[in-house]
Amino acid sequence: MSSLERDVRMSQNREDWSWTDAFDAALGQSPRTAAAASYDGLDRSRTALRLHAHVIERKSALARMRDKLLTAAAQTRRPEHAPVFLTTPHPEWRGRHPIDSCVDERSFEYLKKRMAKIAG
């Protein structure tokens, strides 16, 4: 097992290895190829791994916030109104959907209060 593969196993609890063989523009080749070519390539591949892990974690955190918001929407007095509010483009968010603005606890609380006013 290569050093890069060990790093991947330590940073991820899944067996998604496809990114290691995909072309990475910053590396000019796949992370696996770069890691096998030199110590510098290994270091750059590890940096790519950290970035990849960060992106996955951020997407996961956003999905958890979205799920939390949808759960809160289902608990309003008129749950059928909340999803309409959450998925309709809104001028207050420059035409974005409110659900796409739920990125942290602060925005979750704000949207939850707005939903309560609309669906409550």
PDB file of N, CA and C in Angstrom:
ATOM      1  N   MET A   1       0.858  -1.170   0.000  1.00  0.00           N
ATOM      2  CA  MET A   1       0.000   0.000   0.000  1.00  0.00           C
ATOM      3  C   MET A   1       0.900   1.228   0.000  1.00  0.00           C
ATOM      4  N   SER A   2       0.614   2.169  -0.895  1.00  0.00           N
ATOM      5  CA  SER A   2       1.445   3.362  -0.983  1.00  0.00           C
ATOM      6  C   SER A   2       1.152   4.322   0.172  1.00  0.00           C
ATOM      7  N   SER A   3       2.059   5.268   0.348  1.00  0.00           N
ATOM      8  CA  SER A   3       1.895   6.286   1.384  1.00  0.00           C
ATOM      9  C   SER A   3       0.626   7.108   1.125  1.00  0.00           C
ATOM     10  N   LEU A   4       0.380   7.422  -0.138  1.00  0.00           N
ATOM     11  CA  LEU A   4      -0.823   8.180  -0.488  1.00  0.00           C
ATOM     12  C   LEU A   4      -2.079   7.381  -0.147  1.00  0.00           C
ATOM     13  N   GLU A   5      -2.085   6.089  -0.447  1.00  0.00           N
ATOM     14  CA  GLU A   5      -3.247   5.254  -0.142  1.00  0.00           C
ATOM     15  C   GLU A   5      -3.503   5.193   1.356  1.00  0.00           C
ATOM     16  N   ARG A   6      -2.418   5.118   2.153  1.00  0.00           N
ATOM     17  CA  ARG A   6      -2.587   5.144   3.613  1.00  0.00           C
ATOM     18  C   ARG A   6      -3.212   6.461   4.052  1.00  0.00           C
ATOM     19  N   ASP A   7      -2.748   7.567   3.471  1.00  0.00           N
ATOM     20  CA  ASP A   7      -3.304   8.880   3.817  1.00  0.00           C
ATOM     21  C   ASP A   7      -4.777   8.961   3.451  1.00  0.00           C
ATOM     22  N   VAL A   8      -5.135   8.387   2.302  1.00  0.00           N
ATOM     23  CA  VAL A   8      -6.540   8.388   1.879  1.00  0.00           C
ATOM     24  C   VAL A   8      -7.376   7.603   2.882  1.00  0.00           C
ATOM     25  N   ARG A   9      -6.909   6.424   3.268  1.00  0.00           N
ATOM     26  CA  ARG A   9      -7.658   5.610   4.232  1.00  0.00           C
ATOM     27  C   ARG A   9      -7.839   6.335   5.550  1.00  0.00           C
ATOM     28  N   MET A  10      -6.826   7.070   5.985  1.00  0.00           N
ATOM     29  CA  MET A  10      -6.906   7.779   7.258  1.00  0.00           C
ATOM     30  C   MET A  10      -7.861   8.971   7.176  1.00  0.00           C
ATOM     31  N   SER A  11      -7.965   9.598   6.014  1.00  0.00           N
ATOM     32  CA  SER A  11      -8.793  10.799   5.911  1.00  0.00           C
ATOM     33  C   SER A  11     -10.232  10.513   5.523  1.00  0.00           C
ATOM     34  N   GLN A  12     -10.500   9.335   5.009  1.00  0.00           N
ATOM     35  CA  GLN A  12     -11.848   9.007   4.562  1.00  0.00           C
ATOM     36  C   GLN A  12     -12.243   7.641   5.075  1.00  0.00           C
ATOM     37  N   ASN A  13     -13.491   7.542   5.440  1.00  0.00           N
ATOM     38  CA  ASN A  13     -14.004   6.250   5.900  1.00  0.00           C
ATOM     39  C   ASN A  13     -14.777   5.555   4.794  1.00  0.00           C
ATOM     40  N   ARG A  14     -14.466   5.846   3.575  1.00  0.00           N
ATOM     41  CA  ARG A  14     -15.143   5.225   2.447  1.00  0.00           C
ATOM     42  C   ARG A  14     -14.107   4.709   1.463  1.00  0.00           C
ATOM     43  N   GLU A  15     -14.533   3.896   0.566  1.00  0.00           N
ATOM     44  CA  GLU A  15     -13.619   3.293  -0.398  1.00  0.00           C
ATOM     45  C   GLU A  15     -13.701   3.983  -1.759  1.00  0.00           C
ATOM     46  N   ASP A  16     -13.938   5.289  -1.793  1.00  0.00           N
ATOM     47  CA  ASP A  16     -14.006   6.037  -3.039  1.00  0.00           C
ATOM     48  C   ASP A  16     -12.594   6.448  -3.446  1.00  0.00           C
ATOM     49  N   TRP A  17     -11.998   5.652  -4.286  1.00  0.00           N
ATOM     50  CA  TRP A  17     -10.630   5.890  -4.723  1.00  0.00           C
ATOM     51  C   TRP A  17     -10.575   6.529  -6.104  1.00  0.00           C
ATOM     52  N   SER A  18     -11.699   6.745  -6.729  1.00  0.00           N
ATOM     53  CA  SER A  18     -11.705   7.196  -8.115  1.00  0.00           C
ATOM     54  C   SER A  18     -10.965   8.514  -8.303  1.00  0.00           C
ATOM     55  N   TRP A  19     -11.006   9.389  -7.321  1.00  0.00           N
ATOM     56  CA  TRP A  19     -10.340  10.684  -7.473  1.00  0.00           C
ATOM     57  C   TRP A  19      -8.825  10.527  -7.599  1.00  0.00           C
ATOM     58  N   THR A  20      -8.249   9.464  -7.046  1.00  0.00           N
ATOM     59  CA  THR A  20      -6.789   9.292  -7.104  1.00  0.00           C
ATOM     60  C   THR A  20      -6.302   8.977  -8.505  1.00  0.00           C
ATOM     61  N   ASP A  21      -7.193   8.457  -9.350  1.00  0.00           N
ATOM     62  CA  ASP A  21      -6.813   8.128 -10.721  1.00  0.00           C
ATOM     63  C   ASP A  21      -7.334   9.140 -11.743  1.00  0.00           C
ATOM     64  N   ALA A  22      -8.094  10.122 -11.278  1.00  0.00           N
ATOM     65  CA  ALA A  22      -8.629  11.144 -12.177  1.00  0.00           C
ATOM     66  C   ALA A  22      -7.593  12.243 -12.396  1.00  0.00           C
ATOM     67  N   PHE A  23      -7.603  12.827 -13.575  1.00  0.00           N
ATOM     68  CA  PHE A  23      -6.669  13.915 -13.882  1.00  0.00           C
ATOM     69  C   PHE A  23      -6.931  15.086 -12.946  1.00  0.00           C
ATOM     70  N   ASP A  24      -5.878  15.625 -12.370  1.00  0.00           N
ATOM     71  CA  ASP A  24      -5.958  16.795 -11.495  1.00  0.00           C
ATOM     72  C   ASP A  24      -5.181  17.916 -12.182  1.00  0.00           C
ATOM     73  N   ALA A  25      -5.875  18.992 -12.543  1.00  0.00           N
ATOM     74  CA  ALA A  25      -5.247  20.084 -13.293  1.00  0.00           C
ATOM     75  C   ALA A  25      -4.092  20.711 -12.520  1.00  0.00           C
ATOM     76  N   ALA A  26      -4.231  20.829 -11.198  1.00  0.00           N
ATOM     77  CA  ALA A  26      -3.168  21.440 -10.396  1.00  0.00           C
ATOM     78  C   ALA A  26      -1.903  20.584 -10.399  1.00  0.00           C
ATOM     79  N   LEU A  27      -2.076  19.276 -10.487  1.00  0.00           N
ATOM     80  CA  LEU A  27      -0.930  18.366 -10.502  1.00  0.00           C
ATOM     81  C   LEU A  27      -0.413  18.101 -11.917  1.00  0.00           C
ATOM     82  N   GLY A  28      -1.273  18.294 -12.903  1.00  0.00           N
ATOM     83  CA  GLY A  28      -0.913  17.993 -14.280  1.00  0.00           C
ATOM     84  C   GLY A  28      -0.978  16.507 -14.601  1.00  0.00           C
ATOM     85  N   GLN A  29      -1.493  15.743 -13.665  1.00  0.00           N
ATOM     86  CA  GLN A  29      -1.651  14.295 -13.810  1.00  0.00           C
ATOM     87  C   GLN A  29      -2.533  13.805 -12.670  1.00  0.00           C
ATOM     88  N   SER A  30      -2.729  12.515 -12.580  1.00  0.00           N
ATOM     89  CA  SER A  30      -3.553  11.999 -11.482  1.00  0.00           C
ATOM     90  C   SER A  30      -2.745  12.051 -10.184  1.00  0.00           C
ATOM     91  N   PRO A  31      -3.400  12.182  -9.033  1.00  0.00           N
ATOM     92  CA  PRO A  31      -2.672  12.164  -7.760  1.00  0.00           C
ATOM     93  C   PRO A  31      -1.845  10.893  -7.568  1.00  0.00           C
ATOM     94  N   ARG A  32      -2.384   9.747  -7.981  1.00  0.00           N
ATOM     95  CA  ARG A  32      -1.641   8.491  -7.823  1.00  0.00           C
ATOM     96  C   ARG A  32      -0.350   8.510  -8.652  1.00  0.00           C
ATOM     97  N   THR A  33      -0.440   8.995  -9.888  1.00  0.00           N
ATOM     98  CA  THR A  33       0.737   9.068 -10.754  1.00  0.00           C
ATOM     99  C   THR A  33       1.760  10.048 -10.193  1.00  0.00           C
ATOM    100  N   ALA A  34       1.282  11.204  -9.737  1.00  0.00           N
ATOM    101  CA  ALA A  34       2.187  12.211  -9.167  1.00  0.00           C
ATOM    102  C   ALA A  34       2.879  11.671  -7.927  1.00  0.00           C
ATOM    103  N   ALA A  35       2.128  10.970  -7.077  1.00  0.00           N
ATOM    104  CA  ALA A  35       2.698  10.421  -5.843  1.00  0.00           C
ATOM    105  C   ALA A  35       3.749   9.362  -6.147  1.00  0.00           C
ATOM    106  N   ALA A  36       3.531   8.588  -7.178  1.00  0.00           N
ATOM    107  CA  ALA A  36       4.485   7.533  -7.532  1.00  0.00           C
ATOM    108  C   ALA A  36       5.744   8.085  -8.193  1.00  0.00           C
ATOM    109  N   ALA A  37       5.630   9.287  -8.770  1.00  0.00           N
ATOM    110  CA  ALA A  37       6.737   9.840  -9.540  1.00  0.00           C
ATOM    111  C   ALA A  37       7.860  10.418  -8.672  1.00  0.00           C
ATOM    112  N   SER A  38       7.506  11.061  -7.551  1.00  0.00           N
ATOM    113  CA  SER A  38       8.540  11.715  -6.746  1.00  0.00           C
ATOM    114  C   SER A  38       7.999  12.073  -5.363  1.00  0.00           C
ATOM    115  N   TYR A  39       8.920  12.433  -4.480  1.00  0.00           N
ATOM    116  CA  TYR A  39       8.494  12.883  -3.156  1.00  0.00           C
ATOM    117  C   TYR A  39       7.721  14.194  -3.253  1.00  0.00           C
ATOM    118  N   ASP A  40       8.146  15.074  -4.174  1.00  0.00           N
ATOM    119  CA  ASP A  40       7.404  16.314  -4.394  1.00  0.00           C
ATOM    120  C   ASP A  40       5.992  16.007  -4.878  1.00  0.00           C
ATOM    121  N   GLY A  41       5.866  15.061  -5.783  1.00  0.00           N
ATOM    122  CA  GLY A  41       4.542  14.645  -6.267  1.00  0.00           C
ATOM    123  C   GLY A  41       3.703  14.062  -5.147  1.00  0.00           C
ATOM    124  N   LEU A  42       4.338  13.309  -4.246  1.00  0.00           N
ATOM    125  CA  LEU A  42       3.632  12.760  -3.089  1.00  0.00           C
ATOM    126  C   LEU A  42       3.113  13.887  -2.205  1.00  0.00           C
ATOM    127  N   ASP A  43       3.956  14.887  -1.942  1.00  0.00           N
ATOM    128  CA  ASP A  43       3.529  16.030  -1.124  1.00  0.00           C
ATOM    129  C   ASP A  43       2.380  16.781  -1.786  1.00  0.00           C
ATOM    130  N   ARG A  44       2.488  16.996  -3.080  1.00  0.00           N
ATOM    131  CA  ARG A  44       1.416  17.699  -3.798  1.00  0.00           C
ATOM    132  C   ARG A  44       0.137  16.863  -3.819  1.00  0.00           C
ATOM    133  N   SER A  45       0.276  15.545  -3.927  1.00  0.00           N
ATOM    134  CA  SER A  45      -0.894  14.664  -3.898  1.00  0.00           C
ATOM    135  C   SER A  45      -1.552  14.690  -2.528  1.00  0.00           C
ATOM    136  N   ARG A  46      -0.747  14.747  -1.474  1.00  0.00           N
ATOM    137  CA  ARG A  46      -1.307  14.862  -0.122  1.00  0.00           C
ATOM    138  C   ARG A  46      -2.071  16.170   0.039  1.00  0.00           C
ATOM    139  N   THR A  47      -1.557  17.242  -0.537  1.00  0.00           N
ATOM    140  CA  THR A  47      -2.270  18.518  -0.510  1.00  0.00           C
ATOM    141  C   THR A  47      -3.600  18.390  -1.248  1.00  0.00           C
ATOM    142  N   ALA A  48      -3.574  17.706  -2.401  1.00  0.00           N
ATOM    143  CA  ALA A  48      -4.808  17.467  -3.157  1.00  0.00           C
ATOM    144  C   ALA A  48      -5.779  16.638  -2.332  1.00  0.00           C
ATOM    145  N   LEU A  49      -5.255  15.657  -1.591  1.00  0.00           N
ATOM    146  CA  LEU A  49      -6.090  14.830  -0.718  1.00  0.00           C
ATOM    147  C   LEU A  49      -6.770  15.684   0.350  1.00  0.00           C
ATOM    148  N   ARG A  50      -6.005  16.570   0.989  1.00  0.00           N
ATOM    149  CA  ARG A  50      -6.592  17.432   2.020  1.00  0.00           C
ATOM    150  C   ARG A  50      -7.698  18.311   1.432  1.00  0.00           C
ATOM    151  N   LEU A  51      -7.458  18.859   0.256  1.00  0.00           N
ATOM    152  CA  LEU A  51      -8.473  19.676  -0.408  1.00  0.00           C
ATOM    153  C   LEU A  51      -9.699  18.837  -0.742  1.00  0.00           C
ATOM    154  N   HIS A  52      -9.469  17.656  -1.282  1.00  0.00           N
ATOM    155  CA  HIS A  52     -10.572  16.755  -1.639  1.00  0.00           C
ATOM    156  C   HIS A  52     -11.393  16.397  -0.395  1.00  0.00           C
ATOM    157  N   ALA A  53     -10.720  16.076   0.701  1.00  0.00           N
ATOM    158  CA  ALA A  53     -11.411  15.724   1.949  1.00  0.00           C
ATOM    159  C   ALA A  53     -12.194  16.919   2.473  1.00  0.00           C
ATOM    160  N   HIS A  54     -11.627  18.118   2.360  1.00  0.00           N
ATOM    161  CA  HIS A  54     -12.321  19.327   2.814  1.00  0.00           C
ATOM    162  C   HIS A  54     -13.590  19.565   1.998  1.00  0.00           C
ATOM    163  N   VAL A  55     -13.504  19.403   0.699  1.00  0.00           N
ATOM    164  CA  VAL A  55     -14.674  19.596  -0.171  1.00  0.00           C
ATOM    165  C   VAL A  55     -15.767  18.586   0.181  1.00  0.00           C
ATOM    166  N   ILE A  56     -15.378  17.338   0.386  1.00  0.00           N
ATOM    167  CA  ILE A  56     -16.360  16.307   0.753  1.00  0.00           C
ATOM    168  C   ILE A  56     -17.013  16.636   2.088  1.00  0.00           C
ATOM    169  N   GLU A  57     -16.217  17.042   3.059  1.00  0.00           N
ATOM    170  CA  GLU A  57     -16.760  17.385   4.379  1.00  0.00           C
ATOM    171  C   GLU A  57     -17.702  18.584   4.287  1.00  0.00           C
ATOM    172  N   ARG A  58     -17.342  19.585   3.490  1.00  0.00           N
ATOM    173  CA  ARG A  58     -18.194  20.773   3.335  1.00  0.00           C
ATOM    174  C   ARG A  58     -19.528  20.392   2.689  1.00  0.00           C
ATOM    175  N   LYS A  59     -19.491  19.567   1.658  1.00  0.00           N
ATOM    176  CA  LYS A  59     -20.726  19.113   1.016  1.00  0.00           C
ATOM    177  C   LYS A  59     -21.579  18.330   2.001  1.00  0.00           C
ATOM    178  N   SER A  60     -20.950  17.507   2.805  1.00  0.00           N
ATOM    179  CA  SER A  60     -21.666  16.720   3.805  1.00  0.00           C
ATOM    180  C   SER A  60     -22.302  17.628   4.854  1.00  0.00           C
ATOM    181  N   ALA A  61     -21.565  18.643   5.297  1.00  0.00           N
ATOM    182  CA  ALA A  61     -22.101  19.584   6.289  1.00  0.00           C
ATOM    183  C   ALA A  61     -23.285  20.353   5.718  1.00  0.00           C
ATOM    184  N   LEU A  62     -23.196  20.768   4.466  1.00  0.00           N
ATOM    185  CA  LEU A  62     -24.313  21.479   3.829  1.00  0.00           C
ATOM    186  C   LEU A  62     -25.528  20.570   3.702  1.00  0.00           C
ATOM    187  N   ALA A  63     -25.313  19.321   3.363  1.00  0.00           N
ATOM    188  CA  ALA A  63     -26.422  18.364   3.259  1.00  0.00           C
ATOM    189  C   ALA A  63     -27.080  18.156   4.622  1.00  0.00           C
ATOM    190  N   ARG A  64     -26.276  18.084   5.681  1.00  0.00           N
ATOM    191  CA  ARG A  64     -26.847  17.937   7.032  1.00  0.00           C
ATOM    192  C   ARG A  64     -27.679  19.162   7.410  1.00  0.00           C
ATOM    193  N   MET A  65     -27.197  20.365   7.067  1.00  0.00           N
ATOM    194  CA  MET A  65     -27.952  21.582   7.368  1.00  0.00           C
ATOM    195  C   MET A  65     -29.264  21.603   6.586  1.00  0.00           C
ATOM    196  N   ARG A  66     -29.207  21.202   5.338  1.00  0.00           N
ATOM    197  CA  ARG A  66     -30.418  21.162   4.501  1.00  0.00           C
ATOM    198  C   ARG A  66     -31.419  20.161   5.069  1.00  0.00           C
ATOM    199  N   ASP A  67     -30.949  18.985   5.473  1.00  0.00           N
ATOM    200  CA  ASP A  67     -31.829  17.981   6.071  1.00  0.00           C
ATOM    201  C   ASP A  67     -32.444  18.495   7.368  1.00  0.00           C
ATOM    202  N   LYS A  68     -31.646  19.176   8.165  1.00  0.00           N
ATOM    203  CA  LYS A  68     -32.133  19.744   9.423  1.00  0.00           C
ATOM    204  C   LYS A  68     -33.230  20.781   9.150  1.00  0.00           C
ATOM    205  N   LEU A  69     -33.028  21.598   8.112  1.00  0.00           N
ATOM    206  CA  LEU A  69     -34.020  22.608   7.753  1.00  0.00           C
ATOM    207  C   LEU A  69     -35.306  21.956   7.236  1.00  0.00           C
ATOM    208  N   LEU A  70     -35.179  20.919   6.432  1.00  0.00           N
ATOM    209  CA  LEU A  70     -36.372  20.232   5.929  1.00  0.00           C
ATOM    210  C   LEU A  70     -37.119  19.527   7.058  1.00  0.00           C
ATOM    211  N   THR A  71     -36.397  19.017   8.049  1.00  0.00           N
ATOM    212  CA  THR A  71     -37.037  18.410   9.216  1.00  0.00           C
ATOM    213  C   THR A  71     -37.804  19.476   9.988  1.00  0.00           C
ATOM    214  N   ALA A  72     -37.196  20.649  10.155  1.00  0.00           N
ATOM    215  CA  ALA A  72     -37.879  21.756  10.832  1.00  0.00           C
ATOM    216  C   ALA A  72     -39.106  22.195  10.039  1.00  0.00           C
ATOM    217  N   ALA A  73     -39.010  22.181   8.721  1.00  0.00           N
ATOM    218  CA  ALA A  73     -40.148  22.559   7.875  1.00  0.00           C
ATOM    219  C   ALA A  73     -41.314  21.609   8.082  1.00  0.00           C
ATOM    220  N   ALA A  74     -41.026  20.330   8.239  1.00  0.00           N
ATOM    221  CA  ALA A  74     -42.082  19.332   8.434  1.00  0.00           C
ATOM    222  C   ALA A  74     -42.773  19.478   9.788  1.00  0.00           C
ATOM    223  N   GLN A  75     -42.156  20.201  10.710  1.00  0.00           N
ATOM    224  CA  GLN A  75     -42.702  20.356  12.055  1.00  0.00           C
ATOM    225  C   GLN A  75     -43.462  21.666  12.241  1.00  0.00           C
ATOM    226  N   THR A  76     -43.603  22.458  11.185  1.00  0.00           N
ATOM    227  CA  THR A  76     -44.375  23.689  11.298  1.00  0.00           C
ATOM    228  C   THR A  76     -45.871  23.358  11.316  1.00  0.00           C
ATOM    229  N   ARG A  77     -46.670  24.350  11.701  1.00  0.00           N
ATOM    230  CA  ARG A  77     -48.120  24.098  11.766  1.00  0.00           C
ATOM    231  C   ARG A  77     -48.712  23.799  10.399  1.00  0.00           C
ATOM    232  N   ARG A  78     -48.147  24.393   9.363  1.00  0.00           N
ATOM    233  CA  ARG A  78     -48.617  24.146   7.995  1.00  0.00           C
ATOM    234  C   ARG A  78     -47.417  23.702   7.151  1.00  0.00           C
ATOM    235  N   PRO A  79     -47.017  22.459   7.321  1.00  0.00           N
ATOM    236  CA  PRO A  79     -45.785  21.988   6.682  1.00  0.00           C
ATOM    237  C   PRO A  79     -45.790  22.069   5.155  1.00  0.00           C
ATOM    238  N   GLU A  80     -46.949  22.127   4.543  1.00  0.00           N
ATOM    239  CA  GLU A  80     -46.995  22.201   3.078  1.00  0.00           C
ATOM    240  C   GLU A  80     -46.527  23.566   2.563  1.00  0.00           C
ATOM    241  N   HIS A  81     -46.546  24.612   3.405  1.00  0.00           N
ATOM    242  CA  HIS A  81     -46.123  25.944   2.974  1.00  0.00           C
ATOM    243  C   HIS A  81     -44.607  26.129   3.038  1.00  0.00           C
ATOM    244  N   ALA A  82     -43.977  25.493   4.001  1.00  0.00           N
ATOM    245  CA  ALA A  82     -42.539  25.694   4.203  1.00  0.00           C
ATOM    246  C   ALA A  82     -41.693  25.270   2.995  1.00  0.00           C
ATOM    247  N   PRO A  83     -41.928  24.102   2.413  1.00  0.00           N
ATOM    248  CA  PRO A  83     -41.100  23.720   1.251  1.00  0.00           C
ATOM    249  C   PRO A  83     -41.255  24.684   0.065  1.00  0.00           C
ATOM    250  N   VAL A  84     -42.445  25.249  -0.099  1.00  0.00           N
ATOM    251  CA  VAL A  84     -42.653  26.218  -1.182  1.00  0.00           C
ATOM    252  C   VAL A  84     -41.763  27.438  -0.929  1.00  0.00           C
ATOM    253  N   PHE A  85     -41.761  27.933   0.306  1.00  0.00           N
ATOM    254  CA  PHE A  85     -40.898  29.059   0.662  1.00  0.00           C
ATOM    255  C   PHE A  85     -39.431  28.707   0.438  1.00  0.00           C
ATOM    256  N   LEU A  86     -39.031  27.536   0.873  1.00  0.00           N
ATOM    257  CA  LEU A  86     -37.621  27.156   0.812  1.00  0.00           C
ATOM    258  C   LEU A  86     -37.101  26.948  -0.606  1.00  0.00           C
ATOM    259  N   THR A  87     -37.970  26.552  -1.518  1.00  0.00           N
ATOM    260  CA  THR A  87     -37.515  26.194  -2.868  1.00  0.00           C
ATOM    261  C   THR A  87     -37.918  27.196  -3.949  1.00  0.00           C
ATOM    262  N   THR A  88     -38.440  28.352  -3.550  1.00  0.00           N
ATOM    263  CA  THR A  88     -38.823  29.386  -4.498  1.00  0.00           C
ATOM    264  C   THR A  88     -37.759  30.490  -4.494  1.00  0.00           C
ATOM    265  N   PRO A  89     -37.297  30.917  -5.675  1.00  0.00           N
ATOM    266  CA  PRO A  89     -36.318  32.011  -5.708  1.00  0.00           C
ATOM    267  C   PRO A  89     -36.870  33.231  -4.954  1.00  0.00           C
ATOM    268  N   HIS A  90     -36.008  33.869  -4.182  1.00  0.00           N
ATOM    269  CA  HIS A  90     -36.449  34.950  -3.305  1.00  0.00           C
ATOM    270  C   HIS A  90     -35.566  36.178  -3.505  1.00  0.00           C
ATOM    271  N   PRO A  91     -36.181  37.370  -3.658  1.00  0.00           N
ATOM    272  CA  PRO A  91     -35.388  38.588  -3.879  1.00  0.00           C
ATOM    273  C   PRO A  91     -34.447  38.920  -2.724  1.00  0.00           C
ATOM    274  N   GLU A  92     -34.827  38.534  -1.504  1.00  0.00           N
ATOM    275  CA  GLU A  92     -33.970  38.812  -0.348  1.00  0.00           C
ATOM    276  C   GLU A  92     -32.628  38.079  -0.460  1.00  0.00           C
ATOM    277  N   TRP A  93     -32.618  36.988  -1.210  1.00  0.00           N
ATOM    278  CA  TRP A  93     -31.396  36.204  -1.409  1.00  0.00           C
ATOM    279  C   TRP A  93     -30.898  36.326  -2.849  1.00  0.00           C
ATOM    280  N   ARG A  94     -31.144  37.486  -3.462  1.00  0.00           N
ATOM    281  CA  ARG A  94     -30.714  37.770  -4.835  1.00  0.00           C
ATOM    282  C   ARG A  94     -31.163  36.692  -5.821  1.00  0.00           C
ATOM    283  N   GLY A  95     -32.398  36.259  -5.673  1.00  0.00           N
ATOM    284  CA  GLY A  95     -32.970  35.272  -6.580  1.00  0.00           C
ATOM    285  C   GLY A  95     -32.621  33.833  -6.268  1.00  0.00           C
ATOM    286  N   ARG A  96     -31.823  33.617  -5.227  1.00  0.00           N
ATOM    287  CA  ARG A  96     -31.478  32.244  -4.836  1.00  0.00           C
ATOM    288  C   ARG A  96     -32.621  31.642  -4.036  1.00  0.00           C
ATOM    289  N   HIS A  97     -32.608  30.328  -3.950  1.00  0.00           N
ATOM    290  CA  HIS A  97     -33.592  29.630  -3.120  1.00  0.00           C
ATOM    291  C   HIS A  97     -33.157  29.736  -1.661  1.00  0.00           C
ATOM    292  N   PRO A  98     -34.065  30.042  -0.759  1.00  0.00           N
ATOM    293  CA  PRO A  98     -33.689  30.128   0.653  1.00  0.00           C
ATOM    294  C   PRO A  98     -32.985  28.880   1.177  1.00  0.00           C
ATOM    295  N   ILE A  99     -33.394  27.707   0.722  1.00  0.00           N
ATOM    296  CA  ILE A  99     -32.756  26.488   1.226  1.00  0.00           C
ATOM    297  C   ILE A  99     -31.267  26.456   0.880  1.00  0.00           C
ATOM    298  N   ASP A 100     -30.878  27.083  -0.225  1.00  0.00           N
ATOM    299  CA  ASP A 100     -29.469  27.135  -0.610  1.00  0.00           C
ATOM    300  C   ASP A 100     -28.665  28.103   0.260  1.00  0.00           C
ATOM    301  N   SER A 101     -29.373  28.933   1.024  1.00  0.00           N
ATOM    302  CA  SER A 101     -28.706  29.878   1.925  1.00  0.00           C
ATOM    303  C   SER A 101     -28.472  29.287   3.302  1.00  0.00           C
ATOM    304  N   CYS A 102     -28.941  28.084   3.537  1.00  0.00           N
ATOM    305  CA  CYS A 102     -28.765  27.433   4.834  1.00  0.00           C
ATOM    306  C   CYS A 102     -27.398  26.748   4.855  1.00  0.00           C
ATOM    307  N   VAL A 103     -26.397  27.490   5.345  1.00  0.00           N
ATOM    308  CA  VAL A 103     -25.032  27.001   5.298  1.00  0.00           C
ATOM    309  C   VAL A 103     -24.392  26.815   6.676  1.00  0.00           C
ATOM    310  N   ASP A 104     -25.066  27.299   7.718  1.00  0.00           N
ATOM    311  CA  ASP A 104     -24.523  27.168   9.071  1.00  0.00           C
ATOM    312  C   ASP A 104     -25.666  27.331  10.075  1.00  0.00           C
ATOM    313  N   GLU A 105     -25.350  27.245  11.354  1.00  0.00           N
ATOM    314  CA  GLU A 105     -26.387  27.334  12.400  1.00  0.00           C
ATOM    315  C   GLU A 105     -27.092  28.678  12.393  1.00  0.00           C
ATOM    316  N   ARG A 106     -26.356  29.743  12.151  1.00  0.00           N
ATOM    317  CA  ARG A 106     -26.955  31.087  12.135  1.00  0.00           C
ATOM    318  C   ARG A 106     -28.000  31.214  11.022  1.00  0.00           C
ATOM    319  N   SER A 107     -27.630  30.787   9.821  1.00  0.00           N
ATOM    320  CA  SER A 107     -28.584  30.873   8.710  1.00  0.00           C
ATOM    321  C   SER A 107     -29.738  29.893   8.915  1.00  0.00           C
ATOM    322  N   PHE A 108     -29.470  28.739   9.532  1.00  0.00           N
ATOM    323  CA  PHE A 108     -30.539  27.788   9.840  1.00  0.00           C
ATOM    324  C   PHE A 108     -31.571  28.433  10.763  1.00  0.00           C
ATOM    325  N   GLU A 109     -31.108  29.066  11.845  1.00  0.00           N
ATOM    326  CA  GLU A 109     -32.026  29.699  12.794  1.00  0.00           C
ATOM    327  C   GLU A 109     -32.831  30.807  12.127  1.00  0.00           C
ATOM    328  N   TYR A 110     -32.175  31.592  11.291  1.00  0.00           N
ATOM    329  CA  TYR A 110     -32.869  32.668  10.595  1.00  0.00           C
ATOM    330  C   TYR A 110     -33.962  32.109   9.682  1.00  0.00           C
ATOM    331  N   LEU A 111     -33.629  31.105   8.891  1.00  0.00           N
ATOM    332  CA  LEU A 111     -34.612  30.513   7.986  1.00  0.00           C
ATOM    333  C   LEU A 111     -35.725  29.803   8.746  1.00  0.00           C
ATOM    334  N   LYS A 112     -35.392  29.193   9.850  1.00  0.00           N
ATOM    335  CA  LYS A 112     -36.400  28.520  10.667  1.00  0.00           C
ATOM    336  C   LYS A 112     -37.420  29.537  11.168  1.00  0.00           C
ATOM    337  N   LYS A 113     -36.943  30.701  11.609  1.00  0.00           N
ATOM    338  CA  LYS A 113     -37.862  31.763  12.060  1.00  0.00           C
ATOM    339  C   LYS A 113     -38.721  32.286  10.916  1.00  0.00           C
ATOM    340  N   ARG A 114     -38.096  32.460   9.755  1.00  0.00           N
ATOM    341  CA  ARG A 114     -38.866  32.928   8.582  1.00  0.00           C
ATOM    342  C   ARG A 114     -39.921  31.897   8.178  1.00  0.00           C
ATOM    343  N   MET A 115     -39.572  30.628   8.244  1.00  0.00           N
ATOM    344  CA  MET A 115     -40.535  29.572   7.919  1.00  0.00           C
ATOM    345  C   MET A 115     -41.704  29.582   8.899  1.00  0.00           C
ATOM    346  N   ALA A 116     -41.396  29.786  10.169  1.00  0.00           N
ATOM    347  CA  ALA A 116     -42.430  29.805  11.188  1.00  0.00           C
ATOM    348  C   ALA A 116     -43.426  30.917  10.908  1.00  0.00           C
ATOM    349  N   LYS A 117     -42.948  32.059  10.463  1.00  0.00           N
ATOM    350  CA  LYS A 117     -43.852  33.178  10.140  1.00  0.00           C
ATOM    351  C   LYS A 117     -44.714  32.856   8.922  1.00  0.00           C
ATOM    352  N   ILE A 118     -44.115  32.212   7.939  1.00  0.00           N
ATOM    353  CA  ILE A 118     -44.833  31.926   6.684  1.00  0.00           C
ATOM    354  C   ILE A 118     -45.752  30.712   6.826  1.00  0.00           C
ATOM    355  N   ALA A 119     -45.231  29.667   7.438  1.00  0.00           N
ATOM    356  CA  ALA A 119     -45.991  28.423   7.522  1.00  0.00           C
ATOM    357  C   ALA A 119     -46.705  28.258   8.850  1.00  0.00           C
ATOM    358  N   GLY A 120     -46.529  29.218   9.729  1.00  0.00           N
ATOM    359  CA  GLY A 120     -47.099  29.067  11.061  1.00  0.00           C
ATOM    360  C   GLY A 120     -48.391  29.711  11.258  1.00  0.00           C
TER     361      GLY A 120
END
